[in-house]
Amino acid sequence: MRHILAHYDGEKVVLDEPVSLSANTPVEVVIPDSQEELAVLRTDTSLASLPSLTQIWNNPRDAEYDKL
């Protein structure tokens, strides 16, 4: 799953970066009701991914980079 920023141009949702998708690829669009809700959504998403990132980066092989 990827998180892609987009905006609404008054007629349609426009992705803010190029994405290669096959025709009829299902996507899900989440529309926050306010800037505050958007901030909470981004924070919650970041916090939800933190355990996975910690597991990936907290390993003996990467400990060598701590010495740089």
PDB file of N, CA and C in Angstrom:
ATOM      1  N   MET A   1       0.854  -1.170   0.000  1.00  0.00           N
ATOM      2  CA  MET A   1       0.000   0.000   0.000  1.00  0.00           C
ATOM      3  C   MET A   1       0.899   1.232   0.000  1.00  0.00           C
ATOM      4  N   ARG A   2       0.508   2.230  -0.762  1.00  0.00           N
ATOM      5  CA  ARG A   2       1.252   3.486  -0.832  1.00  0.00           C
ATOM      6  C   ARG A   2       0.341   4.638  -0.447  1.00  0.00           C
ATOM      7  N   HIS A   3       0.943   5.666   0.106  1.00  0.00           N
ATOM      8  CA  HIS A   3       0.216   6.888   0.443  1.00  0.00           C
ATOM      9  C   HIS A   3       0.618   7.931  -0.586  1.00  0.00           C
ATOM     10  N   ILE A   4      -0.332   8.407  -1.376  1.00  0.00           N
ATOM     11  CA  ILE A   4      -0.076   9.380  -2.430  1.00  0.00           C
ATOM     12  C   ILE A   4      -0.886  10.634  -2.139  1.00  0.00           C
ATOM     13  N   LEU A   5      -0.219  11.774  -2.131  1.00  0.00           N
ATOM     14  CA  LEU A   5      -0.933  13.038  -1.943  1.00  0.00           C
ATOM     15  C   LEU A   5      -1.681  13.399  -3.219  1.00  0.00           C
ATOM     16  N   ALA A   6      -2.794  14.077  -3.063  1.00  0.00           N
ATOM     17  CA  ALA A   6      -3.610  14.496  -4.195  1.00  0.00           C
ATOM     18  C   ALA A   6      -4.373  15.749  -3.796  1.00  0.00           C
ATOM     19  N   HIS A   7      -5.025  16.349  -4.779  1.00  0.00           N
ATOM     20  CA  HIS A   7      -5.870  17.511  -4.497  1.00  0.00           C
ATOM     21  C   HIS A   7      -7.082  17.462  -5.424  1.00  0.00           C
ATOM     22  N   TYR A   8      -8.103  18.183  -5.042  1.00  0.00           N
ATOM     23  CA  TYR A   8      -9.326  18.278  -5.837  1.00  0.00           C
ATOM     24  C   TYR A   8      -9.270  19.584  -6.607  1.00  0.00           C
ATOM     25  N   ASP A   9      -9.367  19.515  -7.936  1.00  0.00           N
ATOM     26  CA  ASP A   9      -9.242  20.721  -8.768  1.00  0.00           C
ATOM     27  C   ASP A   9     -10.583  21.386  -9.079  1.00  0.00           C
ATOM     28  N   GLY A  10     -11.636  20.959  -8.395  1.00  0.00           N
ATOM     29  CA  GLY A  10     -12.964  21.505  -8.640  1.00  0.00           C
ATOM     30  C   GLY A  10     -13.815  20.584  -9.494  1.00  0.00           C
ATOM     31  N   GLU A  11     -13.168  19.627 -10.159  1.00  0.00           N
ATOM     32  CA  GLU A  11     -13.887  18.660 -10.992  1.00  0.00           C
ATOM     33  C   GLU A  11     -13.529  17.221 -10.662  1.00  0.00           C
ATOM     34  N   LYS A  12     -12.251  16.989 -10.383  1.00  0.00           N
ATOM     35  CA  LYS A  12     -11.801  15.624 -10.136  1.00  0.00           C
ATOM     36  C   LYS A  12     -10.615  15.628  -9.181  1.00  0.00           C
ATOM     37  N   VAL A  13     -10.321  14.465  -8.617  1.00  0.00           N
ATOM     38  CA  VAL A  13      -9.152  14.298  -7.762  1.00  0.00           C
ATOM     39  C   VAL A  13      -7.942  14.108  -8.668  1.00  0.00           C
ATOM     40  N   VAL A  14      -6.887  14.886  -8.406  1.00  0.00           N
ATOM     41  CA  VAL A  14      -5.666  14.843  -9.211  1.00  0.00           C
ATOM     42  C   VAL A  14      -4.517  14.416  -8.304  1.00  0.00           C
ATOM     43  N   LEU A  15      -3.819  13.347  -8.684  1.00  0.00           N
ATOM     44  CA  LEU A  15      -2.665  12.900  -7.909  1.00  0.00           C
ATOM     45  C   LEU A  15      -1.538  13.907  -8.057  1.00  0.00           C
ATOM     46  N   ASP A  16      -0.794  14.145  -6.973  1.00  0.00           N
ATOM     47  CA  ASP A  16       0.281  15.131  -6.979  1.00  0.00           C
ATOM     48  C   ASP A  16       1.618  14.566  -7.449  1.00  0.00           C
ATOM     49  N   GLU A  17       1.661  13.294  -7.772  1.00  0.00           N
ATOM     50  CA  GLU A  17       2.875  12.685  -8.304  1.00  0.00           C
ATOM     51  C   GLU A  17       2.471  11.583  -9.274  1.00  0.00           C
ATOM     52  N   PRO A  18       3.343  11.268 -10.228  1.00  0.00           N
ATOM     53  CA  PRO A  18       2.992  10.220 -11.189  1.00  0.00           C
ATOM     54  C   PRO A  18       2.919   8.848 -10.515  1.00  0.00           C
ATOM     55  N   VAL A  19       1.934   8.082 -10.909  1.00  0.00           N
ATOM     56  CA  VAL A  19       1.731   6.740 -10.367  1.00  0.00           C
ATOM     57  C   VAL A  19       1.373   5.823 -11.522  1.00  0.00           C
ATOM     58  N   SER A  20       1.995   4.663 -11.565  1.00  0.00           N
ATOM     59  CA  SER A  20       1.696   3.695 -12.611  1.00  0.00           C
ATOM     60  C   SER A  20       0.679   2.688 -12.073  1.00  0.00           C
ATOM     61  N   LEU A  21      -0.532   2.756 -12.588  1.00  0.00           N
ATOM     62  CA  LEU A  21      -1.600   1.848 -12.174  1.00  0.00           C
ATOM     63  C   LEU A  21      -2.243   1.228 -13.403  1.00  0.00           C
ATOM     64  N   SER A  22      -2.659  -0.006 -13.264  1.00  0.00           N
ATOM     65  CA  SER A  22      -3.414  -0.653 -14.332  1.00  0.00           C
ATOM     66  C   SER A  22      -4.836  -0.110 -14.337  1.00  0.00           C
ATOM     67  N   ALA A  23      -5.483  -0.191 -15.490  1.00  0.00           N
ATOM     68  CA  ALA A  23      -6.881   0.234 -15.590  1.00  0.00           C
ATOM     69  C   ALA A  23      -7.724  -0.545 -14.586  1.00  0.00           C
ATOM     70  N   ASN A  24      -8.667   0.132 -13.978  1.00  0.00           N
ATOM     71  CA  ASN A  24      -9.604  -0.446 -13.013  1.00  0.00           C
ATOM     72  C   ASN A  24      -8.957  -0.885 -11.698  1.00  0.00           C
ATOM     73  N   THR A  25      -7.757  -0.381 -11.398  1.00  0.00           N
ATOM     74  CA  THR A  25      -7.137  -0.667 -10.106  1.00  0.00           C
ATOM     75  C   THR A  25      -7.967   0.007  -9.020  1.00  0.00           C
ATOM     76  N   PRO A  26      -8.422  -0.744  -8.022  1.00  0.00           N
ATOM     77  CA  PRO A  26      -9.197  -0.110  -6.958  1.00  0.00           C
ATOM     78  C   PRO A  26      -8.303   0.785  -6.100  1.00  0.00           C
ATOM     79  N   VAL A  27      -8.814   1.940  -5.748  1.00  0.00           N
ATOM     80  CA  VAL A  27      -8.121   2.865  -4.851  1.00  0.00           C
ATOM     81  C   VAL A  27      -9.115   3.328  -3.795  1.00  0.00           C
ATOM     82  N   GLU A  28      -8.597   3.840  -2.705  1.00  0.00           N
ATOM     83  CA  GLU A  28      -9.447   4.363  -1.641  1.00  0.00           C
ATOM     84  C   GLU A  28      -9.052   5.809  -1.399  1.00  0.00           C
ATOM     85  N   VAL A  29     -10.022   6.691  -1.347  1.00  0.00           N
ATOM     86  CA  VAL A  29      -9.781   8.111  -1.125  1.00  0.00           C
ATOM     87  C   VAL A  29     -10.346   8.477   0.241  1.00  0.00           C
ATOM     88  N   VAL A  30      -9.517   9.093   1.072  1.00  0.00           N
ATOM     89  CA  VAL A  30      -9.937   9.543   2.399  1.00  0.00           C
ATOM     90  C   VAL A  30      -9.953  11.064   2.372  1.00  0.00           C
ATOM     91  N   ILE A  31     -11.100  11.657   2.677  1.00  0.00           N
ATOM     92  CA  ILE A  31     -11.245  13.112   2.632  1.00  0.00           C
ATOM     93  C   ILE A  31     -11.486  13.619   4.050  1.00  0.00           C
ATOM     94  N   PRO A  32     -10.497  14.307   4.627  1.00  0.00           N
ATOM     95  CA  PRO A  32     -10.694  14.843   5.975  1.00  0.00           C
ATOM     96  C   PRO A  32     -11.688  15.994   5.956  1.00  0.00           C
ATOM     97  N   ASP A  33     -12.416  16.152   7.047  1.00  0.00           N
ATOM     98  CA  ASP A  33     -13.405  17.228   7.149  1.00  0.00           C
ATOM     99  C   ASP A  33     -12.789  18.568   7.523  1.00  0.00           C
ATOM    100  N   SER A  34     -11.540  18.551   8.010  1.00  0.00           N
ATOM    101  CA  SER A  34     -10.888  19.795   8.425  1.00  0.00           C
ATOM    102  C   SER A  34      -9.377  19.612   8.395  1.00  0.00           C
ATOM    103  N   GLN A  35      -8.647  20.722   8.513  1.00  0.00           N
ATOM    104  CA  GLN A  35      -7.186  20.659   8.585  1.00  0.00           C
ATOM    105  C   GLN A  35      -6.756  19.930   9.856  1.00  0.00           C
ATOM    106  N   GLU A  36      -7.513  20.112  10.931  1.00  0.00           N
ATOM    107  CA  GLU A  36      -7.194  19.432  12.179  1.00  0.00           C
ATOM    108  C   GLU A  36      -7.320  17.917  12.015  1.00  0.00           C
ATOM    109  N   GLU A  37      -8.380  17.494  11.347  1.00  0.00           N
ATOM    110  CA  GLU A  37      -8.573  16.067  11.121  1.00  0.00           C
ATOM    111  C   GLU A  37      -7.467  15.511  10.224  1.00  0.00           C
ATOM    112  N   LEU A  38      -7.032  16.283   9.249  1.00  0.00           N
ATOM    113  CA  LEU A  38      -5.928  15.869   8.381  1.00  0.00           C
ATOM    114  C   LEU A  38      -4.653  15.690   9.203  1.00  0.00           C
ATOM    115  N   ALA A  39      -4.384  16.621  10.114  1.00  0.00           N
ATOM    116  CA  ALA A  39      -3.196  16.523  10.964  1.00  0.00           C
ATOM    117  C   ALA A  39      -3.258  15.273  11.839  1.00  0.00           C
ATOM    118  N   VAL A  40      -4.424  14.991  12.401  1.00  0.00           N
ATOM    119  CA  VAL A  40      -4.594  13.795  13.232  1.00  0.00           C
ATOM    120  C   VAL A  40      -4.392  12.544  12.388  1.00  0.00           C
ATOM    121  N   LEU A  41      -4.958  12.519  11.198  1.00  0.00           N
ATOM    122  CA  LEU A  41      -4.818  11.367  10.309  1.00  0.00           C
ATOM    123  C   LEU A  41      -3.350  11.114   9.990  1.00  0.00           C
ATOM    124  N   ARG A  42      -2.620  12.161   9.658  1.00  0.00           N
ATOM    125  CA  ARG A  42      -1.192  12.006   9.340  1.00  0.00           C
ATOM    126  C   ARG A  42      -0.405  11.542  10.559  1.00  0.00           C
ATOM    127  N   THR A  43      -0.710  12.083  11.725  1.00  0.00           N
ATOM    128  CA  THR A  43      -0.014  11.675  12.946  1.00  0.00           C
ATOM    129  C   THR A  43      -0.321  10.223  13.274  1.00  0.00           C
ATOM    130  N   ASP A  44      -1.583   9.844  13.212  1.00  0.00           N
ATOM    131  CA  ASP A  44      -1.971   8.470  13.524  1.00  0.00           C
ATOM    132  C   ASP A  44      -1.339   7.483  12.551  1.00  0.00           C
ATOM    133  N   THR A  45      -1.277   7.840  11.274  1.00  0.00           N
ATOM    134  CA  THR A  45      -0.662   6.968  10.278  1.00  0.00           C
ATOM    135  C   THR A  45       0.818   6.799  10.575  1.00  0.00           C
ATOM    136  N   SER A  46       1.480   7.895  10.918  1.00  0.00           N
ATOM    137  CA  SER A  46       2.907   7.821  11.252  1.00  0.00           C
ATOM    138  C   SER A  46       3.128   6.958  12.483  1.00  0.00           C
ATOM    139  N   LEU A  47       2.308   7.156  13.506  1.00  0.00           N
ATOM    140  CA  LEU A  47       2.464   6.374  14.730  1.00  0.00           C
ATOM    141  C   LEU A  47       2.164   4.898  14.497  1.00  0.00           C
ATOM    142  N   ALA A  48       1.213   4.608  13.624  1.00  0.00           N
ATOM    143  CA  ALA A  48       0.873   3.218  13.335  1.00  0.00           C
ATOM    144  C   ALA A  48       2.024   2.502  12.638  1.00  0.00           C
ATOM    145  N   SER A  49       2.805   3.231  11.846  1.00  0.00           N
ATOM    146  CA  SER A  49       3.913   2.603  11.133  1.00  0.00           C
ATOM    147  C   SER A  49       5.185   2.535  11.972  1.00  0.00           C
ATOM    148  N   LEU A  50       5.230   3.234  13.100  1.00  0.00           N
ATOM    149  CA  LEU A  50       6.428   3.283  13.930  1.00  0.00           C
ATOM    150  C   LEU A  50       6.912   1.905  14.383  1.00  0.00           C
ATOM    151  N   PRO A  51       6.058   0.998  14.868  1.00  0.00           N
ATOM    152  CA  PRO A  51       6.561  -0.322  15.272  1.00  0.00           C
ATOM    153  C   PRO A  51       7.233  -1.076  14.126  1.00  0.00           C
ATOM    154  N   SER A  52       6.680  -0.996  12.939  1.00  0.00           N
ATOM    155  CA  SER A  52       7.284  -1.668  11.789  1.00  0.00           C
ATOM    156  C   SER A  52       8.632  -1.063  11.452  1.00  0.00           C
ATOM    157  N   LEU A  53       8.699   0.266  11.456  1.00  0.00           N
ATOM    158  CA  LEU A  53       9.963   0.931  11.147  1.00  0.00           C
ATOM    159  C   LEU A  53      11.017   0.626  12.206  1.00  0.00           C
ATOM    160  N   THR A  54      10.618   0.588  13.456  1.00  0.00           N
ATOM    161  CA  THR A  54      11.550   0.266  14.534  1.00  0.00           C
ATOM    162  C   THR A  54      12.114  -1.133  14.347  1.00  0.00           C
ATOM    163  N   GLN A  55      11.261  -2.069  13.998  1.00  0.00           N
ATOM    164  CA  GLN A  55      11.704  -3.443  13.786  1.00  0.00           C
ATOM    165  C   GLN A  55      12.674  -3.525  12.607  1.00  0.00           C
ATOM    166  N   ILE A  56      12.402  -2.782  11.553  1.00  0.00           N
ATOM    167  CA  ILE A  56      13.264  -2.808  10.373  1.00  0.00           C
ATOM    168  C   ILE A  56      14.633  -2.210  10.683  1.00  0.00           C
ATOM    169  N   TRP A  57      14.654  -1.064  11.350  1.00  0.00           N
ATOM    170  CA  TRP A  57      15.903  -0.329  11.543  1.00  0.00           C
ATOM    171  C   TRP A  57      16.638  -0.678  12.821  1.00  0.00           C
ATOM    172  N   ASN A  58      15.996  -1.305  13.770  1.00  0.00           N
ATOM    173  CA  ASN A  58      16.644  -1.642  15.030  1.00  0.00           C
ATOM    174  C   ASN A  58      17.152  -3.076  14.961  1.00  0.00           C
ATOM    175  N   ASN A  59      18.273  -3.261  14.257  1.00  0.00           N
ATOM    176  CA  ASN A  59      18.846  -4.589  14.129  1.00  0.00           C
ATOM    177  C   ASN A  59      20.370  -4.484  14.187  1.00  0.00           C
ATOM    178  N   PRO A  60      21.051  -5.570  14.505  1.00  0.00           N
ATOM    179  CA  PRO A  60      22.502  -5.529  14.689  1.00  0.00           C
ATOM    180  C   PRO A  60      23.275  -5.033  13.460  1.00  0.00           C
ATOM    181  N   ARG A  61      22.837  -5.377  12.265  1.00  0.00           N
ATOM    182  CA  ARG A  61      23.568  -4.948  11.064  1.00  0.00           C
ATOM    183  C   ARG A  61      23.553  -3.434  10.920  1.00  0.00           C
ATOM    184  N   ASP A  62      22.446  -2.806  11.263  1.00  0.00           N
ATOM    185  CA  ASP A  62      22.357  -1.353  11.133  1.00  0.00           C
ATOM    186  C   ASP A  62      23.003  -0.615  12.299  1.00  0.00           C
ATOM    187  N   ALA A  63      23.371  -1.328  13.354  1.00  0.00           N
ATOM    188  CA  ALA A  63      24.004  -0.688  14.508  1.00  0.00           C
ATOM    189  C   ALA A  63      25.328  -0.033  14.128  1.00  0.00           C
ATOM    190  N   GLU A  64      25.981  -0.516  13.091  1.00  0.00           N
ATOM    191  CA  GLU A  64      27.239   0.087  12.635  1.00  0.00           C
ATOM    192  C   GLU A  64      27.041   1.547  12.242  1.00  0.00           C
ATOM    193  N   TYR A  65      25.872   1.877  11.725  1.00  0.00           N
ATOM    194  CA  TYR A  65      25.603   3.259  11.316  1.00  0.00           C
ATOM    195  C   TYR A  65      25.476   4.190  12.520  1.00  0.00           C
ATOM    196  N   ASP A  66      25.199   3.645  13.692  1.00  0.00           N
ATOM    197  CA  ASP A  66      25.101   4.465  14.901  1.00  0.00           C
ATOM    198  C   ASP A  66      26.440   5.096  15.264  1.00  0.00           C
ATOM    199  N   LYS A  67      27.522   4.505  14.782  1.00  0.00           N
ATOM    200  CA  LYS A  67      28.869   4.978  15.117  1.00  0.00           C
ATOM    201  C   LYS A  67      29.340   6.110  14.211  1.00  0.00           C
ATOM    202  N   LEU A  68      28.598   6.412  13.172  1.00  0.00           N
ATOM    203  CA  LEU A  68      29.027   7.457  12.228  1.00  0.00           C
ATOM    204  C   LEU A  68      28.895   8.843  12.802  1.00  0.00           C
TER     205      LEU A  68
END
